[in-house]
Structure formats: C-alpha cells, structure tokens
Amino acid sequence: MAESKDKLKDFEKSLQHLEKIVSNMESGELGLEESLEQFEQGIKLAKTCQDTLANAEIRVEQLIEKNGLQQTVPFEDLDED
C-alpha cells in the first residue's frame, strides 16, 4: 500500500513538473538550447506518466476481473452515451 502511495506522489510530481515545463516553453522566454533541454526532459516525464497510467489501467482491469464485475468500458466509449 505504501508503494502505491509513493508511486501516486511520484506521478503527481512528474505531472506538475511537466506542466511547469510546458508553461515555461509557452512563455517564449527560453533560448533555443534551454528549450531543447526542457523539451527533452518533458518527453521523458510524459513517457513516465504514460507508463504509470498504463500500469494503473492494468491494475484496475485485474481488480475488476478478480472481483467478478461485468466488464470494463474504455474511457473513449463513455462519451458516446
């Protein structure tokens, strides 16, 4: 359980850092080299966040299956109702 909380905190920190990078880059105040460094760091953070979300989705599906719930509905399908 503690590991899950740590991963959630890491995810939230990564997401906040990514948002800060985007804000800095959108400001237009960074030079080319710094923009490239920020972009590279942003790509790494985005990948980390995507991996964390993918693992969370797998965990949710496993919990649903384990508990005999009907089925999962992809988030994309929820908008169609």
N, C-alpha and C. Protein backbone atom coordinates (compact mmCIF):
# COMPACT_ATOMS: atom_id res chain seq x y z
N MET A 1 0.82 -1.19 0.00
CA MET A 1 0.00 0.00 0.00
C MET A 1 0.87 1.26 0.00
N ALA A 2 1.93 1.26 0.78
CA ALA A 2 2.84 2.41 0.83
C ALA A 2 3.49 2.64 -0.53
N GLU A 3 3.79 1.55 -1.23
CA GLU A 3 4.40 1.66 -2.55
C GLU A 3 3.45 2.35 -3.52
N SER A 4 2.16 2.04 -3.44
CA SER A 4 1.16 2.67 -4.30
C SER A 4 1.08 4.17 -4.04
N LYS A 5 1.13 4.56 -2.77
CA LYS A 5 1.08 5.98 -2.42
C LYS A 5 2.32 6.70 -2.93
N ASP A 6 3.47 6.04 -2.83
CA ASP A 6 4.71 6.64 -3.33
C ASP A 6 4.64 6.83 -4.84
N LYS A 7 4.12 5.83 -5.55
CA LYS A 7 4.01 5.93 -6.99
C LYS A 7 3.04 7.05 -7.39
N LEU A 8 1.95 7.19 -6.63
CA LEU A 8 0.99 8.25 -6.89
C LEU A 8 1.64 9.61 -6.69
N LYS A 9 2.40 9.75 -5.61
CA LYS A 9 3.10 11.02 -5.36
C LYS A 9 4.12 11.30 -6.47
N ASP A 10 4.85 10.26 -6.90
CA ASP A 10 5.82 10.43 -7.99
C ASP A 10 5.11 10.85 -9.27
N PHE A 11 3.95 10.22 -9.55
CA PHE A 11 3.18 10.57 -10.74
C PHE A 11 2.73 12.02 -10.67
N GLU A 12 2.20 12.42 -9.53
CA GLU A 12 1.72 13.79 -9.36
C GLU A 12 2.86 14.80 -9.49
N LYS A 13 4.01 14.48 -8.92
CA LYS A 13 5.17 15.37 -9.04
C LYS A 13 5.62 15.46 -10.50
N SER A 14 5.66 14.32 -11.17
CA SER A 14 6.06 14.31 -12.58
C SER A 14 5.10 15.13 -13.42
N LEU A 15 3.81 14.99 -13.16
CA LEU A 15 2.81 15.74 -13.91
C LEU A 15 2.93 17.24 -13.65
N GLN A 16 3.14 17.61 -12.39
CA GLN A 16 3.32 19.03 -12.07
C GLN A 16 4.57 19.59 -12.74
N HIS A 17 5.63 18.81 -12.73
CA HIS A 17 6.87 19.25 -13.37
C HIS A 17 6.66 19.40 -14.88
N LEU A 18 5.95 18.46 -15.47
CA LEU A 18 5.66 18.53 -16.90
C LEU A 18 4.83 19.78 -17.22
N GLU A 19 3.85 20.08 -16.40
CA GLU A 19 3.04 21.28 -16.60
C GLU A 19 3.89 22.54 -16.51
N LYS A 20 4.84 22.55 -15.59
CA LYS A 20 5.74 23.71 -15.45
C LYS A 20 6.61 23.87 -16.69
N ILE A 21 7.10 22.75 -17.21
CA ILE A 21 7.93 22.78 -18.42
C ILE A 21 7.12 23.35 -19.58
N VAL A 22 5.89 22.89 -19.73
CA VAL A 22 5.04 23.38 -20.82
C VAL A 22 4.82 24.88 -20.67
N SER A 23 4.54 25.31 -19.46
CA SER A 23 4.33 26.73 -19.20
C SER A 23 5.57 27.55 -19.54
N ASN A 24 6.73 27.06 -19.12
CA ASN A 24 7.99 27.75 -19.43
C ASN A 24 8.22 27.85 -20.93
N MET A 25 7.95 26.77 -21.64
CA MET A 25 8.17 26.77 -23.08
C MET A 25 7.16 27.67 -23.79
N GLU A 26 5.94 27.69 -23.32
CA GLU A 26 4.92 28.54 -23.94
C GLU A 26 5.18 30.02 -23.70
N SER A 27 5.92 30.34 -22.65
CA SER A 27 6.21 31.75 -22.34
C SER A 27 7.05 32.41 -23.43
N GLY A 28 7.82 31.60 -24.13
CA GLY A 28 8.67 32.14 -25.19
C GLY A 28 9.92 32.83 -24.68
N GLU A 29 10.20 32.69 -23.41
CA GLU A 29 11.35 33.37 -22.81
C GLU A 29 12.62 32.51 -22.78
N LEU A 30 12.51 31.26 -23.18
CA LEU A 30 13.67 30.37 -23.15
C LEU A 30 14.44 30.48 -24.45
N GLY A 31 15.76 30.34 -24.34
CA GLY A 31 16.58 30.28 -25.53
C GLY A 31 16.44 28.92 -26.20
N LEU A 32 17.01 28.78 -27.37
CA LEU A 32 16.90 27.55 -28.14
C LEU A 32 17.44 26.34 -27.37
N GLU A 33 18.65 26.48 -26.84
CA GLU A 33 19.28 25.35 -26.14
C GLU A 33 18.47 24.95 -24.91
N GLU A 34 18.04 25.94 -24.13
CA GLU A 34 17.24 25.64 -22.95
C GLU A 34 15.88 25.04 -23.33
N SER A 35 15.31 25.52 -24.42
CA SER A 35 14.04 24.96 -24.91
C SER A 35 14.20 23.49 -25.28
N LEU A 36 15.31 23.19 -25.94
CA LEU A 36 15.56 21.79 -26.32
C LEU A 36 15.76 20.91 -25.10
N GLU A 37 16.47 21.41 -24.10
CA GLU A 37 16.67 20.65 -22.87
C GLU A 37 15.35 20.42 -22.15
N GLN A 38 14.53 21.47 -22.08
CA GLN A 38 13.22 21.36 -21.44
C GLN A 38 12.33 20.39 -22.20
N PHE A 39 12.38 20.46 -23.53
CA PHE A 39 11.59 19.55 -24.36
C PHE A 39 11.99 18.11 -24.12
N GLU A 40 13.28 17.86 -24.09
CA GLU A 40 13.78 16.51 -23.85
C GLU A 40 13.33 16.00 -22.48
N GLN A 41 13.44 16.84 -21.48
CA GLN A 41 13.00 16.46 -20.14
C GLN A 41 11.48 16.22 -20.12
N GLY A 42 10.74 17.05 -20.84
CA GLY A 42 9.29 16.90 -20.92
C GLY A 42 8.89 15.58 -21.57
N ILE A 43 9.59 15.20 -22.61
CA ILE A 43 9.32 13.92 -23.28
C ILE A 43 9.53 12.76 -22.32
N LYS A 44 10.60 12.81 -21.55
CA LYS A 44 10.88 11.75 -20.57
C LYS A 44 9.78 11.70 -19.49
N LEU A 45 9.38 12.86 -19.01
CA LEU A 45 8.32 12.90 -17.99
C LEU A 45 6.99 12.40 -18.55
N ALA A 46 6.68 12.78 -19.78
CA ALA A 46 5.44 12.33 -20.41
C ALA A 46 5.44 10.81 -20.55
N LYS A 47 6.56 10.25 -20.93
CA LYS A 47 6.68 8.78 -21.07
C LYS A 47 6.48 8.11 -19.71
N THR A 48 7.10 8.67 -18.67
CA THR A 48 6.95 8.14 -17.33
C THR A 48 5.49 8.17 -16.89
N CYS A 49 4.82 9.29 -17.14
CA CYS A 49 3.41 9.42 -16.77
C CYS A 49 2.54 8.43 -17.55
N GLN A 50 2.81 8.29 -18.84
CA GLN A 50 2.05 7.33 -19.66
C GLN A 50 2.23 5.91 -19.15
N ASP A 51 3.45 5.55 -18.80
CA ASP A 51 3.71 4.21 -18.28
C ASP A 51 2.98 3.98 -16.96
N THR A 52 2.98 4.98 -16.10
CA THR A 52 2.29 4.88 -14.82
C THR A 52 0.79 4.70 -15.03
N LEU A 53 0.21 5.47 -15.95
CA LEU A 53 -1.22 5.35 -16.24
C LEU A 53 -1.56 3.99 -16.86
N ALA A 54 -0.70 3.50 -17.73
CA ALA A 54 -0.93 2.19 -18.33
C ALA A 54 -0.91 1.09 -17.27
N ASN A 55 0.03 1.18 -16.34
CA ASN A 55 0.09 0.20 -15.25
C ASN A 55 -1.13 0.29 -14.35
N ALA A 56 -1.61 1.50 -14.11
CA ALA A 56 -2.81 1.68 -13.29
C ALA A 56 -4.02 1.07 -13.99
N GLU A 57 -4.11 1.26 -15.29
CA GLU A 57 -5.22 0.68 -16.06
C GLU A 57 -5.21 -0.85 -15.98
N ILE A 58 -4.04 -1.44 -16.09
CA ILE A 58 -3.92 -2.89 -15.98
C ILE A 58 -4.36 -3.35 -14.60
N ARG A 59 -3.94 -2.63 -13.57
CA ARG A 59 -4.34 -2.98 -12.20
C ARG A 59 -5.85 -2.91 -12.02
N VAL A 60 -6.47 -1.87 -12.57
CA VAL A 60 -7.92 -1.72 -12.47
C VAL A 60 -8.62 -2.88 -13.16
N GLU A 61 -8.15 -3.23 -14.35
CA GLU A 61 -8.75 -4.35 -15.08
C GLU A 61 -8.60 -5.66 -14.31
N GLN A 62 -7.44 -5.86 -13.70
CA GLN A 62 -7.23 -7.07 -12.91
C GLN A 62 -8.16 -7.10 -11.70
N LEU A 63 -8.33 -5.97 -11.04
CA LEU A 63 -9.23 -5.91 -9.89
C LEU A 63 -10.68 -6.17 -10.29
N ILE A 64 -11.07 -5.61 -11.42
CA ILE A 64 -12.44 -5.84 -11.90
C ILE A 64 -12.65 -7.32 -12.21
N GLU A 65 -11.68 -7.90 -12.91
CA GLU A 65 -11.78 -9.32 -13.26
C GLU A 65 -11.77 -10.19 -12.00
N LYS A 66 -10.90 -9.88 -11.07
CA LYS A 66 -10.77 -10.66 -9.84
C LYS A 66 -12.06 -10.63 -9.03
N ASN A 67 -12.74 -9.51 -9.03
CA ASN A 67 -13.94 -9.36 -8.24
C ASN A 67 -15.22 -9.71 -9.01
N GLY A 68 -15.07 -10.25 -10.18
CA GLY A 68 -16.22 -10.75 -10.93
C GLY A 68 -17.16 -9.68 -11.44
N LEU A 69 -16.68 -8.49 -11.62
CA LEU A 69 -17.52 -7.43 -12.17
C LEU A 69 -17.72 -7.67 -13.66
N GLN A 70 -18.73 -7.09 -14.21
CA GLN A 70 -19.14 -7.38 -15.58
C GLN A 70 -18.03 -7.19 -16.61
N GLN A 71 -17.72 -5.95 -16.90
CA GLN A 71 -16.68 -5.69 -17.89
C GLN A 71 -16.19 -4.26 -17.75
N THR A 72 -15.06 -4.00 -18.35
CA THR A 72 -14.56 -2.64 -18.35
C THR A 72 -15.08 -1.94 -19.59
N VAL A 73 -15.23 -0.64 -19.51
CA VAL A 73 -15.64 0.17 -20.64
C VAL A 73 -14.55 1.21 -20.86
N PRO A 74 -13.94 1.21 -22.04
CA PRO A 74 -12.89 2.20 -22.30
C PRO A 74 -13.42 3.61 -22.12
N PHE A 75 -12.58 4.51 -21.63
CA PHE A 75 -12.99 5.88 -21.40
C PHE A 75 -13.56 6.52 -22.68
N GLU A 76 -13.02 6.16 -23.82
CA GLU A 76 -13.48 6.74 -25.08
C GLU A 76 -14.95 6.42 -25.32
N ASP A 77 -15.40 5.25 -24.90
CA ASP A 77 -16.78 4.82 -25.10
C ASP A 77 -17.76 5.52 -24.17
N LEU A 78 -17.29 6.08 -23.09
CA LEU A 78 -18.17 6.74 -22.13
C LEU A 78 -18.77 8.01 -22.73
N ASP A 79 -18.06 8.67 -23.63
CA ASP A 79 -18.55 9.90 -24.24
C ASP A 79 -19.71 9.64 -25.19
N GLU A 80 -19.87 8.43 -25.68
CA GLU A 80 -20.90 8.12 -26.66
C GLU A 80 -22.27 7.94 -26.05
N ASP A 81 -22.38 7.80 -24.73
CA ASP A 81 -23.67 7.59 -24.09
C ASP A 81 -24.51 8.82 -24.04
